[in-house]
Amino acid sequence: MTRIEPLMTVRDVADYCQCSEDHVRRACRTGALFSKRLGRHYRLVLEDVDAWLSEGAAASIDAASRSSR
């Protein structure tokens, strides 16, 4: 039987990572954090969030923000 991972909202991820929802949305928008869009909303899997954190989440956002300016 296939196990289905529960999906997290942006708020769930922000609470889990102790960061702002805007920070999570920016990571999703830039592709630094893998996510799926359901309409206007992002949905994420805990495994992807943990991978993002282990890669240095803040560094990836800062670099993406600087390159988009």
N, C-alpha and C. Protein backbone atom coordinates (compact mmCIF):
# COMPACT_ATOMS: atom_id res chain seq x y z
N MET A 1 0.84 -1.18 0.00
CA MET A 1 0.00 0.00 0.00
C MET A 1 0.89 1.25 0.00
N THR A 2 0.51 2.21 -0.78
CA THR A 2 1.26 3.45 -0.88
C THR A 2 0.91 4.37 0.28
N ARG A 3 1.93 4.92 0.88
CA ARG A 3 1.71 5.85 1.99
C ARG A 3 1.62 7.26 1.45
N ILE A 4 0.59 7.98 1.83
CA ILE A 4 0.40 9.35 1.38
C ILE A 4 0.90 10.30 2.46
N GLU A 5 1.81 11.18 2.06
CA GLU A 5 2.36 12.18 2.99
C GLU A 5 1.34 13.29 3.22
N PRO A 6 1.16 13.70 4.46
CA PRO A 6 0.26 14.83 4.71
C PRO A 6 0.88 16.12 4.15
N LEU A 7 0.03 16.97 3.61
CA LEU A 7 0.50 18.24 3.06
C LEU A 7 0.47 19.33 4.12
N MET A 8 1.43 20.22 4.03
CA MET A 8 1.54 21.34 4.97
C MET A 8 1.19 22.64 4.24
N THR A 9 0.62 23.57 4.96
CA THR A 9 0.36 24.89 4.42
C THR A 9 1.58 25.78 4.66
N VAL A 10 1.55 26.96 4.06
CA VAL A 10 2.63 27.93 4.29
C VAL A 10 2.72 28.26 5.78
N ARG A 11 1.58 28.42 6.42
CA ARG A 11 1.57 28.73 7.86
C ARG A 11 2.18 27.59 8.67
N ASP A 12 1.84 26.35 8.32
CA ASP A 12 2.41 25.18 9.01
C ASP A 12 3.93 25.19 8.91
N VAL A 13 4.43 25.45 7.70
CA VAL A 13 5.88 25.45 7.47
C VAL A 13 6.54 26.60 8.23
N ALA A 14 5.92 27.77 8.21
CA ALA A 14 6.48 28.92 8.93
C ALA A 14 6.56 28.63 10.42
N ASP A 15 5.52 28.02 10.98
CA ASP A 15 5.54 27.66 12.40
C ASP A 15 6.63 26.61 12.67
N TYR A 16 6.73 25.63 11.81
CA TYR A 16 7.71 24.57 11.97
C TYR A 16 9.14 25.11 11.90
N CYS A 17 9.37 26.04 10.99
CA CYS A 17 10.72 26.60 10.77
C CYS A 17 11.00 27.83 11.62
N GLN A 18 9.98 28.31 12.31
CA GLN A 18 10.08 29.52 13.12
C GLN A 18 10.56 30.70 12.28
N CYS A 19 9.88 30.90 11.16
CA CYS A 19 10.16 32.03 10.28
C CYS A 19 8.83 32.61 9.82
N SER A 20 8.88 33.65 9.03
CA SER A 20 7.65 34.29 8.58
C SER A 20 7.03 33.53 7.40
N GLU A 21 5.73 33.72 7.23
CA GLU A 21 5.04 33.12 6.09
C GLU A 21 5.58 33.71 4.78
N ASP A 22 5.93 34.99 4.79
CA ASP A 22 6.50 35.61 3.58
C ASP A 22 7.80 34.94 3.18
N HIS A 23 8.60 34.56 4.16
CA HIS A 23 9.87 33.88 3.90
C HIS A 23 9.61 32.55 3.19
N VAL A 24 8.62 31.82 3.66
CA VAL A 24 8.28 30.52 3.05
C VAL A 24 7.73 30.73 1.64
N ARG A 25 6.84 31.69 1.47
CA ARG A 25 6.27 31.97 0.15
C ARG A 25 7.36 32.36 -0.86
N ARG A 26 8.31 33.18 -0.41
CA ARG A 26 9.41 33.60 -1.28
C ARG A 26 10.24 32.39 -1.70
N ALA A 27 10.48 31.49 -0.77
CA ALA A 27 11.24 30.28 -1.09
C ALA A 27 10.49 29.42 -2.11
N CYS A 28 9.20 29.34 -1.97
CA CYS A 28 8.38 28.58 -2.93
C CYS A 28 8.41 29.25 -4.30
N ARG A 29 8.25 30.55 -4.30
CA ARG A 29 8.19 31.32 -5.55
C ARG A 29 9.50 31.24 -6.33
N THR A 30 10.63 31.28 -5.63
CA THR A 30 11.94 31.25 -6.29
C THR A 30 12.41 29.84 -6.62
N GLY A 31 11.71 28.84 -6.10
CA GLY A 31 12.10 27.46 -6.36
C GLY A 31 13.11 26.91 -5.36
N ALA A 32 13.46 27.71 -4.35
CA ALA A 32 14.40 27.24 -3.33
C ALA A 32 13.77 26.14 -2.48
N LEU A 33 12.45 26.17 -2.35
CA LEU A 33 11.70 25.18 -1.57
C LEU A 33 10.68 24.54 -2.49
N PHE A 34 10.78 23.23 -2.67
CA PHE A 34 9.86 22.53 -3.56
C PHE A 34 8.46 22.58 -2.98
N SER A 35 7.50 22.95 -3.82
CA SER A 35 6.10 23.02 -3.40
C SER A 35 5.20 22.79 -4.59
N LYS A 36 3.94 22.55 -4.31
CA LYS A 36 2.91 22.42 -5.34
C LYS A 36 1.89 23.52 -5.12
N ARG A 37 1.33 24.01 -6.20
CA ARG A 37 0.29 25.03 -6.10
C ARG A 37 -1.07 24.36 -6.24
N LEU A 38 -1.97 24.71 -5.35
CA LEU A 38 -3.36 24.31 -5.46
C LEU A 38 -4.15 25.61 -5.53
N GLY A 39 -4.47 26.01 -6.73
CA GLY A 39 -5.07 27.33 -6.91
C GLY A 39 -4.05 28.40 -6.58
N ARG A 40 -4.38 29.27 -5.64
CA ARG A 40 -3.46 30.33 -5.23
C ARG A 40 -2.56 29.92 -4.08
N HIS A 41 -2.75 28.72 -3.55
CA HIS A 41 -2.08 28.31 -2.32
C HIS A 41 -0.99 27.28 -2.58
N TYR A 42 0.07 27.39 -1.79
CA TYR A 42 1.17 26.41 -1.86
C TYR A 42 0.89 25.29 -0.86
N ARG A 43 1.29 24.08 -1.24
CA ARG A 43 1.24 22.94 -0.33
C ARG A 43 2.61 22.27 -0.38
N LEU A 44 3.07 21.85 0.79
CA LEU A 44 4.43 21.32 0.92
C LEU A 44 4.42 20.02 1.70
N VAL A 45 5.48 19.23 1.49
CA VAL A 45 5.65 17.96 2.20
C VAL A 45 6.79 18.15 3.20
N LEU A 46 6.63 17.61 4.40
CA LEU A 46 7.61 17.78 5.47
C LEU A 46 9.01 17.36 5.04
N GLU A 47 9.13 16.30 4.28
CA GLU A 47 10.43 15.81 3.83
C GLU A 47 11.15 16.89 3.00
N ASP A 48 10.42 17.60 2.15
CA ASP A 48 11.02 18.67 1.34
C ASP A 48 11.42 19.86 2.20
N VAL A 49 10.62 20.14 3.21
CA VAL A 49 10.93 21.25 4.13
C VAL A 49 12.20 20.93 4.90
N ASP A 50 12.31 19.70 5.39
CA ASP A 50 13.52 19.31 6.12
C ASP A 50 14.76 19.37 5.23
N ALA A 51 14.62 18.97 3.96
CA ALA A 51 15.75 19.05 3.02
C ALA A 51 16.15 20.51 2.81
N TRP A 52 15.16 21.38 2.67
CA TRP A 52 15.42 22.82 2.50
C TRP A 52 16.17 23.38 3.70
N LEU A 53 15.75 22.99 4.89
CA LEU A 53 16.41 23.46 6.10
C LEU A 53 17.85 22.94 6.18
N SER A 54 18.06 21.70 5.82
CA SER A 54 19.42 21.13 5.91
C SER A 54 20.35 21.75 4.87
N GLU A 55 19.80 22.29 3.79
CA GLU A 55 20.62 22.94 2.76
C GLU A 55 20.95 24.38 3.11
N GLY A 56 20.38 24.88 4.18
CA GLY A 56 20.63 26.26 4.57
C GLY A 56 19.56 27.18 3.99
N ALA A 57 18.38 27.10 4.53
CA ALA A 57 17.22 27.82 4.01
C ALA A 57 17.45 29.31 3.88
N ALA A 58 18.00 29.94 4.87
CA ALA A 58 18.18 31.40 4.84
C ALA A 58 19.14 31.80 3.73
N ALA A 59 20.18 31.05 3.55
CA ALA A 59 21.17 31.38 2.52
C ALA A 59 20.55 31.31 1.13
N SER A 60 19.69 30.32 0.90
CA SER A 60 19.09 30.17 -0.42
C SER A 60 18.13 31.31 -0.72
N ILE A 61 17.42 31.78 0.28
CA ILE A 61 16.49 32.89 0.09
C ILE A 61 17.25 34.18 -0.15
N ASP A 62 18.28 34.43 0.65
CA ASP A 62 19.06 35.66 0.50
C ASP A 62 19.71 35.74 -0.89
N ALA A 63 20.24 34.64 -1.36
CA ALA A 63 20.89 34.63 -2.67
C ALA A 63 19.86 34.88 -3.77
N ALA A 64 18.69 34.28 -3.65
CA ALA A 64 17.65 34.47 -4.65
C ALA A 64 17.14 35.91 -4.63
N SER A 65 17.03 36.49 -3.45
CA SER A 65 16.55 37.86 -3.34
C SER A 65 17.54 38.82 -3.97
N ARG A 66 18.81 38.61 -3.74
CA ARG A 66 19.84 39.49 -4.30
C ARG A 66 19.90 39.40 -5.82
N SER A 67 19.71 38.20 -6.35
CA SER A 67 19.80 38.03 -7.81
C SER A 67 18.60 38.60 -8.53
N SER A 68 17.46 38.74 -7.85
CA SER A 68 16.26 39.26 -8.49
C SER A 68 16.20 40.78 -8.46
N ARG A 69 17.10 41.43 -7.78
CA ARG A 69 17.08 42.90 -7.67
C ARG A 69 17.77 43.55 -8.82
